[in-house]
Amino acid sequence: MPTLSLLLGAFVFVALLTGLVRRFALREQILDIPVLRSAHTTPVPVGGGIAIALIYLFAVLALFAQGRLAANECLAALGAVFIGGLGFVDDWRHLDVSWRLPLQLLAAIWSVAWLGTVPQIHFASWVLPSSWILNALAVIALVWLLNLYNFMDGIDGIAGAELVCVTAMSLLLAIKADDVALAQLSAVLLGAGLGFLVWNWPPARIFMGDVGSGFSGFALGILALLSLQHGSMQVWTWVLLLGVFIADASVTLVRRFVRGEKWYEGHSLHAYQHAARRYKSHAKVTIIVILINLFWLAPLAWMTTVAPEWGMYLTLVGVVPLMVLAAKNAAGVPGIAGRSSTQTETA
């Protein structure tokens, strides 16, 4: 099926299904109830990300049936669906971290094991060869990425917008590298992200929930590993594409860890959350994230595929300023109170 048709089909499917999920969530009272650290002031339906996970599942199975994904790649990709299911249970009935984290690790181990040995990574003139160490790092990266994405899903539109920006660029780079399977998976997730934003753009009428945020982070990690296996992109390309989320989440995590806080507990101390409170607008912050992705990170990511030997240096150029920006915007620093929401939707 042509890539454009997949994109449009995913957009329509997710836009329609998310509307139905919203109605179901309202009827069954599956709501995100505001607490002190919340960025919204009224209960909002949650679980909209299930539509994104479902269209991804259909796409993975269709690509396997068409012979575009090998059996091991299909099985590895299905790890993201398991993470989505785990997130759905967490949305419905809260799961303790003592259950979530081991299951997340098992899903990551499953996916990495099916994909096989992770290709070597170039650190300028030094090469980290393919080995069990890289596979272990890939498992850790998948778990970190799904939790990072969950941490960064804290204001209207930001997680959906990030999914759109990252997959739009991965689609272009996959087409450039003639990586058909990666291009079509990217197109599906791009269309899905756009369809979800129909409902989630500020003021949000439904939230992605853990079913969507954890799934999105893990699915993007799978795309990254597939691109490494296919030789169409390198790890530095993906670090740049996810640079905004990586910078903010990492600075916040380090500062909270230094203070002895529990990293897995909910909070509202990310730089983007402070910014949303300062500007009293979710839309402004989400638009800034989109602009950074389009005009700063995307060109640098493109350059890593043109001059792969400069990948690490380009990543430092792209991500270090974002970390400085996050630090200047008080990432991980408590004491900036007040809700940022302009949420007017009543449930």
C-alpha atoms as a PDB file:
ATOM      1  CA  MET A   1       0.000   0.000   0.000  1.00  0.00           C
ATOM      2  CA  PRO A   2       1.369   3.466  -0.886  1.00  0.00           C
ATOM      3  CA  THR A   3       2.894   5.350   2.042  1.00  0.00           C
ATOM      4  CA  LEU A   4       0.574   8.341   1.642  1.00  0.00           C
ATOM      5  CA  SER A   5      -2.477   6.066   1.782  1.00  0.00           C
ATOM      6  CA  LEU A   6      -1.188   4.536   5.016  1.00  0.00           C
ATOM      7  CA  LEU A   7      -0.693   7.982   6.509  1.00  0.00           C
ATOM      8  CA  LEU A   8      -4.173   9.176   5.560  1.00  0.00           C
ATOM      9  CA  GLY A   9      -5.795   5.911   6.603  1.00  0.00           C
ATOM     10  CA  ALA A  10      -4.117   6.020  10.014  1.00  0.00           C
ATOM     11  CA  PHE A  11      -5.195   9.651  10.460  1.00  0.00           C
ATOM     12  CA  VAL A  12      -8.864   8.895   9.765  1.00  0.00           C
ATOM     13  CA  PHE A  13      -8.851   5.680  11.828  1.00  0.00           C
ATOM     14  CA  VAL A  14      -7.308   7.304  14.897  1.00  0.00           C
ATOM     15  CA  ALA A  15      -9.351  10.508  14.672  1.00  0.00           C
ATOM     16  CA  LEU A  16     -12.603   8.512  14.549  1.00  0.00           C
ATOM     17  CA  LEU A  17     -11.651   5.868  17.107  1.00  0.00           C
ATOM     18  CA  THR A  18     -10.321   8.434  19.582  1.00  0.00           C
ATOM     19  CA  GLY A  19     -13.712  10.136  19.486  1.00  0.00           C
ATOM     20  CA  LEU A  20     -15.393   6.828  20.295  1.00  0.00           C
ATOM     21  CA  VAL A  21     -12.878   6.106  23.070  1.00  0.00           C
ATOM     22  CA  ARG A  22     -13.647   9.529  24.544  1.00  0.00           C
ATOM     23  CA  ARG A  23     -17.349   8.766  24.653  1.00  0.00           C
ATOM     24  CA  PHE A  24     -16.664   5.388  26.270  1.00  0.00           C
ATOM     25  CA  ALA A  25     -14.291   6.918  28.833  1.00  0.00           C
ATOM     26  CA  LEU A  26     -16.867   9.553  29.753  1.00  0.00           C
ATOM     27  CA  ARG A  27     -19.571   6.916  30.164  1.00  0.00           C
ATOM     28  CA  GLU A  28     -17.380   4.604  32.239  1.00  0.00           C
ATOM     29  CA  GLN A  29     -15.804   7.497  34.174  1.00  0.00           C
ATOM     30  CA  ILE A  30     -12.263   6.666  33.026  1.00  0.00           C
ATOM     31  CA  LEU A  31     -11.039  10.139  33.870  1.00  0.00           C
ATOM     32  CA  ASP A  32      -7.865  11.911  34.872  1.00  0.00           C
ATOM     33  CA  ILE A  33      -8.937  13.644  38.066  1.00  0.00           C
ATOM     34  CA  PRO A  34      -6.901  16.802  38.783  1.00  0.00           C
ATOM     35  CA  VAL A  35      -4.546  16.754  41.767  1.00  0.00           C
ATOM     36  CA  LEU A  36      -2.276  19.493  43.072  1.00  0.00           C
ATOM     37  CA  ARG A  37       0.469  18.791  40.523  1.00  0.00           C
ATOM     38  CA  SER A  38      -1.925  18.439  37.569  1.00  0.00           C
ATOM     39  CA  ALA A  39      -1.777  20.812  34.616  1.00  0.00           C
ATOM     40  CA  HIS A  40      -5.545  20.672  34.138  1.00  0.00           C
ATOM     41  CA  THR A  41      -8.360  21.834  36.396  1.00  0.00           C
ATOM     42  CA  THR A  42     -11.280  19.640  35.322  1.00  0.00           C
ATOM     43  CA  PRO A  43     -11.588  15.833  34.917  1.00  0.00           C
ATOM     44  CA  VAL A  44     -10.577  14.765  31.400  1.00  0.00           C
ATOM     45  CA  PRO A  45     -11.148  11.376  29.703  1.00  0.00           C
ATOM     46  CA  VAL A  46      -8.002   9.298  29.453  1.00  0.00           C
ATOM     47  CA  GLY A  47      -6.845   6.371  27.297  1.00  0.00           C
ATOM     48  CA  GLY A  48      -6.964   7.960  23.850  1.00  0.00           C
ATOM     49  CA  GLY A  49      -3.617   6.407  22.976  1.00  0.00           C
ATOM     50  CA  ILE A  50      -5.279   3.019  22.494  1.00  0.00           C
ATOM     51  CA  ALA A  51      -6.239   4.080  18.969  1.00  0.00           C
ATOM     52  CA  ILE A  52      -2.579   4.772  18.128  1.00  0.00           C
ATOM     53  CA  ALA A  53      -1.501   1.387  19.472  1.00  0.00           C
ATOM     54  CA  LEU A  54      -4.216  -0.442  17.530  1.00  0.00           C
ATOM     55  CA  ILE A  55      -3.369   1.074  14.139  1.00  0.00           C
ATOM     56  CA  TYR A  56       0.296   0.276  14.778  1.00  0.00           C
ATOM     57  CA  LEU A  57      -0.645  -3.348  15.528  1.00  0.00           C
ATOM     58  CA  PHE A  58      -2.591  -3.588  12.274  1.00  0.00           C
ATOM     59  CA  ALA A  59       0.317  -2.029  10.347  1.00  0.00           C
ATOM     60  CA  VAL A  60       2.913  -4.402  11.818  1.00  0.00           C
ATOM     61  CA  LEU A  61       0.812  -7.461  10.999  1.00  0.00           C
ATOM     62  CA  ALA A  62       0.059  -6.172   7.476  1.00  0.00           C
ATOM     63  CA  LEU A  63       3.741  -5.490   6.760  1.00  0.00           C
ATOM     64  CA  PHE A  64       4.606  -8.985   7.970  1.00  0.00           C
ATOM     65  CA  ALA A  65       1.887 -10.507   5.769  1.00  0.00           C
ATOM     66  CA  GLN A  66       3.291  -8.578   2.792  1.00  0.00           C
ATOM     67  CA  GLY A  67       6.821  -9.797   3.508  1.00  0.00           C
ATOM     68  CA  ARG A  68       8.143  -6.312   4.277  1.00  0.00           C
ATOM     69  CA  LEU A  69       8.878  -7.201   7.905  1.00  0.00           C
ATOM     70  CA  ALA A  70      10.706 -10.410   8.761  1.00  0.00           C
ATOM     71  CA  ALA A  71       9.137 -12.669  11.388  1.00  0.00           C
ATOM     72  CA  ASN A  72      11.684 -11.693  14.033  1.00  0.00           C
ATOM     73  CA  GLU A  73      11.134  -7.979  13.305  1.00  0.00           C
ATOM     74  CA  CYS A  74       7.371  -8.438  13.584  1.00  0.00           C
ATOM     75  CA  LEU A  75       7.703 -10.213  16.934  1.00  0.00           C
ATOM     76  CA  ALA A  76      10.072  -7.522  18.195  1.00  0.00           C
ATOM     77  CA  ALA A  77       7.713  -4.752  17.088  1.00  0.00           C
ATOM     78  CA  LEU A  78       4.840  -6.384  18.980  1.00  0.00           C
ATOM     79  CA  GLY A  79       6.660  -5.600  22.218  1.00  0.00           C
ATOM     80  CA  ALA A  80       5.289  -2.067  21.864  1.00  0.00           C
ATOM     81  CA  VAL A  81       1.735  -3.436  21.774  1.00  0.00           C
ATOM     82  CA  PHE A  82       2.367  -5.255  25.056  1.00  0.00           C
ATOM     83  CA  ILE A  83       3.589  -1.979  26.571  1.00  0.00           C
ATOM     84  CA  GLY A  84       0.417  -0.309  25.312  1.00  0.00           C
ATOM     85  CA  GLY A  85      -1.682  -3.023  26.955  1.00  0.00           C
ATOM     86  CA  LEU A  86       0.243  -2.615  30.185  1.00  0.00           C
ATOM     87  CA  GLY A  87      -0.402   1.117  30.032  1.00  0.00           C
ATOM     88  CA  PHE A  88      -4.112   0.517  29.458  1.00  0.00           C
ATOM     89  CA  VAL A  89      -4.285  -1.587  32.623  1.00  0.00           C
ATOM     90  CA  ASP A  90      -2.396   1.162  34.473  1.00  0.00           C
ATOM     91  CA  ASP A  91      -4.902   3.751  33.236  1.00  0.00           C
ATOM     92  CA  TRP A  92      -7.839   1.581  34.316  1.00  0.00           C
ATOM     93  CA  ARG A  93      -6.396   0.170  37.542  1.00  0.00           C
ATOM     94  CA  HIS A  94      -3.210   1.791  38.780  1.00  0.00           C
ATOM     95  CA  LEU A  95      -0.222  -0.589  38.728  1.00  0.00           C
ATOM     96  CA  ASP A  96       2.522  -0.237  41.296  1.00  0.00           C
ATOM     97  CA  VAL A  97       6.027   0.393  39.932  1.00  0.00           C
ATOM     98  CA  SER A  98       7.075  -2.981  41.400  1.00  0.00           C
ATOM     99  CA  TRP A  99       4.830  -4.569  38.752  1.00  0.00           C
ATOM    100  CA  ARG A 100       5.311  -2.072  35.918  1.00  0.00           C
ATOM    101  CA  LEU A 101       9.088  -1.950  35.777  1.00  0.00           C
ATOM    102  CA  PRO A 102       9.756  -5.726  35.637  1.00  0.00           C
ATOM    103  CA  LEU A 103       7.116  -6.130  32.919  1.00  0.00           C
ATOM    104  CA  GLN A 104       8.626  -3.245  30.971  1.00  0.00           C
ATOM    105  CA  LEU A 105      12.041  -4.880  31.244  1.00  0.00           C
ATOM    106  CA  LEU A 106      10.627  -8.192  30.001  1.00  0.00           C
ATOM    107  CA  ALA A 107       9.059  -6.465  26.983  1.00  0.00           C
ATOM    108  CA  ALA A 108      12.345  -4.722  26.182  1.00  0.00           C
ATOM    109  CA  ILE A 109      14.326  -7.951  26.525  1.00  0.00           C
ATOM    110  CA  TRP A 110      11.773  -9.683  24.260  1.00  0.00           C
ATOM    111  CA  SER A 111      12.106  -7.077  21.520  1.00  0.00           C
ATOM    112  CA  VAL A 112      15.892  -6.830  21.622  1.00  0.00           C
ATOM    113  CA  ALA A 113      16.271 -10.609  21.715  1.00  0.00           C
ATOM    114  CA  TRP A 114      14.147 -11.019  18.578  1.00  0.00           C
ATOM    115  CA  LEU A 115      15.985  -8.277  16.710  1.00  0.00           C
ATOM    116  CA  GLY A 116      19.352  -9.842  17.442  1.00  0.00           C
ATOM    117  CA  THR A 117      22.698  -8.172  17.980  1.00  0.00           C
ATOM    118  CA  VAL A 118      22.622  -4.394  17.894  1.00  0.00           C
ATOM    119  CA  PRO A 119      24.984  -3.018  15.218  1.00  0.00           C
ATOM    120  CA  GLN A 120      28.136  -1.214  16.322  1.00  0.00           C
ATOM    121  CA  ILE A 121      27.974   2.424  17.372  1.00  0.00           C
ATOM    122  CA  HIS A 122      30.515   5.009  16.281  1.00  0.00           C
ATOM    123  CA  PHE A 123      31.752   7.537  18.835  1.00  0.00           C
ATOM    124  CA  ALA A 124      33.723   9.721  16.425  1.00  0.00           C
ATOM    125  CA  SER A 125      36.920   7.732  15.765  1.00  0.00           C
ATOM    126  CA  TRP A 126      36.130   5.130  18.444  1.00  0.00           C
ATOM    127  CA  VAL A 127      33.766   2.241  17.759  1.00  0.00           C
ATOM    128  CA  LEU A 128      31.725   0.307  20.286  1.00  0.00           C
ATOM    129  CA  PRO A 129      31.505  -3.095  18.567  1.00  0.00           C
ATOM    130  CA  SER A 130      28.421  -5.295  18.424  1.00  0.00           C
ATOM    131  CA  SER A 131      28.227  -7.293  21.636  1.00  0.00           C
ATOM    132  CA  TRP A 132      26.006  -8.269  24.546  1.00  0.00           C
ATOM    133  CA  ILE A 133      26.857  -4.854  26.038  1.00  0.00           C
ATOM    134  CA  LEU A 134      25.076  -3.064  23.211  1.00  0.00           C
ATOM    135  CA  ASN A 135      22.080  -5.374  23.564  1.00  0.00           C
ATOM    136  CA  ALA A 136      21.928  -4.642  27.299  1.00  0.00           C
ATOM    137  CA  LEU A 137      22.142  -0.917  26.563  1.00  0.00           C
ATOM    138  CA  ALA A 138      19.322  -1.284  24.033  1.00  0.00           C
ATOM    139  CA  VAL A 139      17.102  -2.884  26.699  1.00  0.00           C
ATOM    140  CA  ILE A 140      17.851  -0.062  29.124  1.00  0.00           C
ATOM    141  CA  ALA A 141      17.262   2.520  26.392  1.00  0.00           C
ATOM    142  CA  LEU A 142      13.836   1.089  25.543  1.00  0.00           C
ATOM    143  CA  VAL A 143      12.718   1.135  29.180  1.00  0.00           C
ATOM    144  CA  TRP A 144      14.117   4.626  29.664  1.00  0.00           C
ATOM    145  CA  LEU A 145      12.485   5.897  26.488  1.00  0.00           C
ATOM    146  CA  LEU A 146       9.003   4.616  27.324  1.00  0.00           C
ATOM    147  CA  ASN A 147       9.207   6.138  30.806  1.00  0.00           C
ATOM    148  CA  LEU A 148      10.731   9.336  29.461  1.00  0.00           C
ATOM    149  CA  TYR A 149       7.828   9.715  27.057  1.00  0.00           C
ATOM    150  CA  ASN A 150       5.411   9.131  29.920  1.00  0.00           C
ATOM    151  CA  PHE A 151       7.175  11.784  32.025  1.00  0.00           C
ATOM    152  CA  MET A 152       6.967  14.295  29.171  1.00  0.00           C
ATOM    153  CA  ASP A 153       3.245  13.764  28.562  1.00  0.00           C
ATOM    154  CA  GLY A 154       2.203  16.447  31.019  1.00  0.00           C
ATOM    155  CA  ILE A 155       0.524  19.228  29.052  1.00  0.00           C
ATOM    156  CA  ASP A 156      -1.989  19.281  26.222  1.00  0.00           C
ATOM    157  CA  GLY A 157      -0.632  18.355  22.815  1.00  0.00           C
ATOM    158  CA  ILE A 158       3.052  17.905  23.632  1.00  0.00           C
ATOM    159  CA  ALA A 159       3.291  14.090  23.395  1.00  0.00           C
ATOM    160  CA  GLY A 160       1.194  13.934  20.229  1.00  0.00           C
ATOM    161  CA  ALA A 161       3.174  16.779  18.652  1.00  0.00           C
ATOM    162  CA  GLU A 162       6.463  15.056  19.467  1.00  0.00           C
ATOM    163  CA  LEU A 163       5.212  11.823  17.902  1.00  0.00           C
ATOM    164  CA  VAL A 164       4.275  13.746  14.745  1.00  0.00           C
ATOM    165  CA  CYS A 165       7.605  15.595  14.508  1.00  0.00           C
ATOM    166  CA  VAL A 166       9.777  12.529  15.113  1.00  0.00           C
ATOM    167  CA  THR A 167       7.897  10.230  12.736  1.00  0.00           C
ATOM    168  CA  ALA A 168       7.670  12.893  10.026  1.00  0.00           C
ATOM    169  CA  MET A 169      11.451  13.124  10.015  1.00  0.00           C
ATOM    170  CA  SER A 170      11.964   9.361  10.269  1.00  0.00           C
ATOM    171  CA  LEU A 171       9.601   8.976   7.307  1.00  0.00           C
ATOM    172  CA  LEU A 172      11.679  11.371   5.184  1.00  0.00           C
ATOM    173  CA  LEU A 173      14.950   9.746   6.199  1.00  0.00           C
ATOM    174  CA  ALA A 174      13.575   6.238   5.590  1.00  0.00           C
ATOM    175  CA  ILE A 175      12.413   7.258   2.109  1.00  0.00           C
ATOM    176  CA  LYS A 176      15.853   8.757   1.465  1.00  0.00           C
ATOM    177  CA  ALA A 177      17.464   5.450   2.502  1.00  0.00           C
ATOM    178  CA  ASP A 178      14.891   3.376   0.572  1.00  0.00           C
ATOM    179  CA  ASP A 179      13.876   1.616   3.809  1.00  0.00           C
ATOM    180  CA  VAL A 180      10.304   0.741   2.842  1.00  0.00           C
ATOM    181  CA  ALA A 181       9.238  -1.013   6.058  1.00  0.00           C
ATOM    182  CA  LEU A 182      10.522   1.795   8.256  1.00  0.00           C
ATOM    183  CA  ALA A 183       8.933   4.415   6.011  1.00  0.00           C
ATOM    184  CA  GLN A 184       5.539   2.733   6.178  1.00  0.00           C
ATOM    185  CA  LEU A 185       5.639   2.258   9.952  1.00  0.00           C
ATOM    186  CA  SER A 186       6.686   5.896  10.314  1.00  0.00           C
ATOM    187  CA  ALA A 187       3.830   6.972   8.044  1.00  0.00           C
ATOM    188  CA  VAL A 188       1.311   5.040  10.144  1.00  0.00           C
ATOM    189  CA  LEU A 189       2.544   6.583  13.399  1.00  0.00           C
ATOM    190  CA  LEU A 190       2.654  10.026  11.786  1.00  0.00           C
ATOM    191  CA  GLY A 191      -0.954   9.730  10.645  1.00  0.00           C
ATOM    192  CA  ALA A 192      -1.927   8.335  14.043  1.00  0.00           C
ATOM    193  CA  GLY A 193      -0.280  11.235  15.851  1.00  0.00           C
ATOM    194  CA  LEU A 194      -2.081  13.761  13.653  1.00  0.00           C
ATOM    195  CA  GLY A 195      -5.399  11.985  14.193  1.00  0.00           C
ATOM    196  CA  PHE A 196      -4.899  12.016  17.940  1.00  0.00           C
ATOM    197  CA  LEU A 197      -4.035  15.729  17.944  1.00  0.00           C
ATOM    198  CA  VAL A 198      -7.510  16.429  16.545  1.00  0.00           C
ATOM    199  CA  TRP A 199      -8.704  15.651  20.082  1.00  0.00           C
ATOM    200  CA  ASN A 200      -5.630  16.469  22.142  1.00  0.00           C
ATOM    201  CA  TRP A 201      -4.592  19.893  20.841  1.00  0.00           C
ATOM    202  CA  PRO A 202      -5.052  22.488  23.610  1.00  0.00           C
ATOM    203  CA  PRO A 203      -7.495  22.532  25.238  1.00  0.00           C
ATOM    204  CA  ALA A 204      -7.410  18.720  25.212  1.00  0.00           C
ATOM    205  CA  ARG A 205     -10.673  16.808  25.114  1.00  0.00           C
ATOM    206  CA  ILE A 206      -8.959  13.498  25.883  1.00  0.00           C
ATOM    207  CA  PHE A 207      -5.549  12.512  27.184  1.00  0.00           C
ATOM    208  CA  MET A 208      -3.219   9.918  25.681  1.00  0.00           C
ATOM    209  CA  GLY A 209      -2.819   8.095  28.987  1.00  0.00           C
ATOM    210  CA  ASP A 210      -0.126   5.536  29.784  1.00  0.00           C
ATOM    211  CA  VAL A 211      -1.534   3.317  27.033  1.00  0.00           C
ATOM    212  CA  GLY A 212      -0.396   5.969  24.545  1.00  0.00           C
ATOM    213  CA  SER A 213       2.659   7.577  26.112  1.00  0.00           C
ATOM    214  CA  GLY A 214       4.450   4.370  27.099  1.00  0.00           C
ATOM    215  CA  PHE A 215       3.515   2.785  23.793  1.00  0.00           C
ATOM    216  CA  SER A 216       4.754   5.794  21.785  1.00  0.00           C
ATOM    217  CA  GLY A 217       8.128   5.880  23.517  1.00  0.00           C
ATOM    218  CA  PHE A 218       8.642   2.129  23.094  1.00  0.00           C
ATOM    219  CA  ALA A 219       7.430   2.140  19.476  1.00  0.00           C
ATOM    220  CA  LEU A 220       9.841   4.933  18.573  1.00  0.00           C
ATOM    221  CA  GLY A 221      12.606   2.902  20.200  1.00  0.00           C
ATOM    222  CA  ILE A 222      11.647  -0.062  18.017  1.00  0.00           C
ATOM    223  CA  LEU A 223      11.783   2.149  14.919  1.00  0.00           C
ATOM    224  CA  ALA A 224      15.242   3.289  15.978  1.00  0.00           C
ATOM    225  CA  LEU A 225      16.488  -0.282  16.433  1.00  0.00           C
ATOM    226  CA  LEU A 226      14.985  -1.329  13.101  1.00  0.00           C
ATOM    227  CA  SER A 227      16.731   1.574  11.370  1.00  0.00           C
ATOM    228  CA  LEU A 228      20.054   0.505  12.917  1.00  0.00           C
ATOM    229  CA  GLN A 229      19.496  -3.066  11.762  1.00  0.00           C
ATOM    230  CA  HIS A 230      18.590  -1.872   8.245  1.00  0.00           C
ATOM    231  CA  GLY A 231      21.496   0.588   8.144  1.00  0.00           C
ATOM    232  CA  SER A 232      19.199   3.491   7.226  1.00  0.00           C
ATOM    233  CA  MET A 233      19.966   5.656  10.280  1.00  0.00           C
ATOM    234  CA  GLN A 234      22.300   5.705  13.239  1.00  0.00           C
ATOM    235  CA  VAL A 235      21.723   6.065  16.955  1.00  0.00           C
ATOM    236  CA  TRP A 236      22.747   9.734  16.886  1.00  0.00           C
ATOM    237  CA  THR A 237      19.951  10.472  14.420  1.00  0.00           C
ATOM    238  CA  TRP A 238      17.382   9.302  16.944  1.00  0.00           C
ATOM    239  CA  VAL A 239      18.958  11.058  19.901  1.00  0.00           C
ATOM    240  CA  LEU A 240      18.598  14.286  17.926  1.00  0.00           C
ATOM    241  CA  LEU A 241      15.042  13.556  16.809  1.00  0.00           C
ATOM    242  CA  LEU A 242      14.045  13.006  20.450  1.00  0.00           C
ATOM    243  CA  GLY A 243      16.341  15.743  21.717  1.00  0.00           C
ATOM    244  CA  VAL A 244      13.719  17.947  23.387  1.00  0.00           C
ATOM    245  CA  PHE A 245      12.300  15.082  25.450  1.00  0.00           C
ATOM    246  CA  ILE A 246      15.720  13.609  26.238  1.00  0.00           C
ATOM    247  CA  ALA A 247      17.174  16.940  27.389  1.00  0.00           C
ATOM    248  CA  ASP A 248      14.277  17.982  29.618  1.00  0.00           C
ATOM    249  CA  ALA A 249      13.685  14.539  31.139  1.00  0.00           C
ATOM    250  CA  SER A 250      17.393  13.888  31.745  1.00  0.00           C
ATOM    251  CA  VAL A 251      18.120  17.206  33.461  1.00  0.00           C
ATOM    252  CA  THR A 252      14.987  16.821  35.581  1.00  0.00           C
ATOM    253  CA  LEU A 253      15.844  13.247  36.532  1.00  0.00           C
ATOM    254  CA  VAL A 254      19.433  14.076  37.515  1.00  0.00           C
ATOM    255  CA  ARG A 255      18.381  16.993  39.708  1.00  0.00           C
ATOM    256  CA  ARG A 256      15.696  14.922  41.458  1.00  0.00           C
ATOM    257  CA  PHE A 257      18.101  12.021  41.919  1.00  0.00           C
ATOM    258  CA  VAL A 258      20.695  14.322  43.492  1.00  0.00           C
ATOM    259  CA  ARG A 259      18.058  15.486  45.982  1.00  0.00           C
ATOM    260  CA  GLY A 260      17.253  11.876  46.848  1.00  0.00           C
ATOM    261  CA  GLU A 261      13.735  11.906  45.396  1.00  0.00           C
ATOM    262  CA  LYS A 262      12.052   8.847  43.888  1.00  0.00           C
ATOM    263  CA  TRP A 263      12.430   9.198  40.109  1.00  0.00           C
ATOM    264  CA  TYR A 264       9.283   7.186  39.333  1.00  0.00           C
ATOM    265  CA  GLU A 265       6.908   9.299  41.408  1.00  0.00           C
ATOM    266  CA  GLY A 266       4.697  11.832  39.657  1.00  0.00           C
ATOM    267  CA  HIS A 267       5.678  15.488  39.725  1.00  0.00           C
ATOM    268  CA  SER A 268       5.386  18.681  37.706  1.00  0.00           C
ATOM    269  CA  LEU A 269       8.998  19.847  37.718  1.00  0.00           C
ATOM    270  CA  HIS A 270       9.953  19.487  34.051  1.00  0.00           C
ATOM    271  CA  ALA A 271      11.084  22.595  32.216  1.00  0.00           C
ATOM    272  CA  TYR A 272       8.118  22.414  29.840  1.00  0.00           C
ATOM    273  CA  GLN A 273       5.731  22.319  32.821  1.00  0.00           C
ATOM    274  CA  HIS A 274       7.389  25.344  34.415  1.00  0.00           C
ATOM    275  CA  ALA A 275       7.168  27.111  31.050  1.00  0.00           C
ATOM    276  CA  ALA A 276       3.472  26.285  30.686  1.00  0.00           C
ATOM    277  CA  ARG A 277       2.812  27.813  34.099  1.00  0.00           C
ATOM    278  CA  ARG A 278       4.899  30.872  33.281  1.00  0.00           C
ATOM    279  CA  TYR A 279       3.191  31.520  29.942  1.00  0.00           C
ATOM    280  CA  LYS A 280      -0.215  30.321  31.214  1.00  0.00           C
ATOM    281  CA  SER A 281      -0.590  28.376  27.977  1.00  0.00           C
ATOM    282  CA  HIS A 282      -0.122  24.774  26.896  1.00  0.00           C
ATOM    283  CA  ALA A 283      -0.374  25.700  23.223  1.00  0.00           C
ATOM    284  CA  LYS A 284       2.539  28.173  23.338  1.00  0.00           C
ATOM    285  CA  VAL A 285       4.891  25.622  24.879  1.00  0.00           C
ATOM    286  CA  THR A 286       3.807  22.856  22.502  1.00  0.00           C
ATOM    287  CA  ILE A 287       4.342  25.165  19.510  1.00  0.00           C
ATOM    288  CA  ILE A 288       7.830  26.057  20.799  1.00  0.00           C
ATOM    289  CA  VAL A 289       8.658  22.334  21.018  1.00  0.00           C
ATOM    290  CA  ILE A 290       7.437  21.854  17.432  1.00  0.00           C
ATOM    291  CA  LEU A 291       9.577  24.770  16.206  1.00  0.00           C
ATOM    292  CA  ILE A 292      12.689  23.429  17.963  1.00  0.00           C
ATOM    293  CA  ASN A 293      12.075  20.040  16.366  1.00  0.00           C
ATOM    294  CA  LEU A 294      11.553  21.440  12.872  1.00  0.00           C
ATOM    295  CA  PHE A 295      14.192  24.153  12.672  1.00  0.00           C
ATOM    296  CA  TRP A 296      16.924  22.973  15.042  1.00  0.00           C
ATOM    297  CA  LEU A 297      16.890  19.208  15.554  1.00  0.00           C
ATOM    298  CA  ALA A 298      15.542  17.986  12.195  1.00  0.00           C
ATOM    299  CA  PRO A 299      18.329  19.583  10.083  1.00  0.00           C
ATOM    300  CA  LEU A 300      20.996  18.209  12.426  1.00  0.00           C
ATOM    301  CA  ALA A 301      19.386  14.744  12.307  1.00  0.00           C
ATOM    302  CA  TRP A 302      19.431  14.917   8.512  1.00  0.00           C
ATOM    303  CA  MET A 303      23.139  15.786   8.597  1.00  0.00           C
ATOM    304  CA  THR A 304      23.918  12.643  10.607  1.00  0.00           C
ATOM    305  CA  THR A 305      22.786  10.587   7.614  1.00  0.00           C
ATOM    306  CA  VAL A 306      24.841  12.692   5.181  1.00  0.00           C
ATOM    307  CA  ALA A 307      27.993  12.750   7.315  1.00  0.00           C
ATOM    308  CA  PRO A 308      27.628   9.808   9.749  1.00  0.00           C
ATOM    309  CA  GLU A 309      31.213  10.213  10.973  1.00  0.00           C
ATOM    310  CA  TRP A 310      30.103  13.520  12.535  1.00  0.00           C
ATOM    311  CA  GLY A 311      27.071  11.997  14.248  1.00  0.00           C
ATOM    312  CA  MET A 312      28.291  12.300  17.828  1.00  0.00           C
ATOM    313  CA  TYR A 313      29.489  15.886  17.356  1.00  0.00           C
ATOM    314  CA  LEU A 314      26.233  16.920  15.686  1.00  0.00           C
ATOM    315  CA  THR A 315      24.321  15.372  18.589  1.00  0.00           C
ATOM    316  CA  LEU A 316      26.349  17.357  21.115  1.00  0.00           C
ATOM    317  CA  VAL A 317      25.714  20.530  19.122  1.00  0.00           C
ATOM    318  CA  GLY A 318      21.990  19.800  19.063  1.00  0.00           C
ATOM    319  CA  VAL A 319      21.257  18.431  22.526  1.00  0.00           C
ATOM    320  CA  VAL A 320      23.659  20.214  24.901  1.00  0.00           C
ATOM    321  CA  PRO A 321      22.054  23.657  24.298  1.00  0.00           C
ATOM    322  CA  LEU A 322      18.652  22.087  24.995  1.00  0.00           C
ATOM    323  CA  MET A 323      19.951  20.739  28.295  1.00  0.00           C
ATOM    324  CA  VAL A 324      21.239  24.199  29.181  1.00  0.00           C
ATOM    325  CA  LEU A 325      17.851  25.640  28.215  1.00  0.00           C
ATOM    326  CA  ALA A 326      16.072  23.059  30.381  1.00  0.00           C
ATOM    327  CA  ALA A 327      18.340  23.888  33.320  1.00  0.00           C
ATOM    328  CA  LYS A 328      17.710  27.617  32.877  1.00  0.00           C
ATOM    329  CA  ASN A 329      13.981  26.898  32.861  1.00  0.00           C
ATOM    330  CA  ALA A 330      14.262  25.208  36.266  1.00  0.00           C
ATOM    331  CA  ALA A 331      13.951  21.581  35.127  1.00  0.00           C
ATOM    332  CA  GLY A 332      13.781  19.462  38.272  1.00  0.00           C
ATOM    333  CA  VAL A 333      13.619  22.457  40.604  1.00  0.00           C
ATOM    334  CA  PRO A 334      10.702  22.567  43.066  1.00  0.00           C
ATOM    335  CA  GLY A 335       9.023  25.657  44.366  1.00  0.00           C
ATOM    336  CA  ILE A 336       7.375  27.049  41.232  1.00  0.00           C
ATOM    337  CA  ALA A 337       3.738  26.527  42.035  1.00  0.00           C
ATOM    338  CA  GLY A 338       0.471  27.105  40.310  1.00  0.00           C
ATOM    339  CA  ARG A 339      -1.447  25.340  37.597  1.00  0.00           C
ATOM    340  CA  SER A 340      -0.783  26.210  33.995  1.00  0.00           C
ATOM    341  CA  SER A 341      -3.937  24.891  32.430  1.00  0.00           C
ATOM    342  CA  THR A 342      -6.192  26.826  30.159  1.00  0.00           C
ATOM    343  CA  GLN A 343      -8.380  23.730  30.151  1.00  0.00           C
ATOM    344  CA  THR A 344     -12.045  24.642  29.844  1.00  0.00           C
ATOM    345  CA  GLU A 345     -13.417  21.303  28.691  1.00  0.00           C
ATOM    346  CA  THR A 346     -15.844  19.813  31.167  1.00  0.00           C
ATOM    347  CA  ALA A 347     -16.195  16.078  31.398  1.00  0.00           C
END
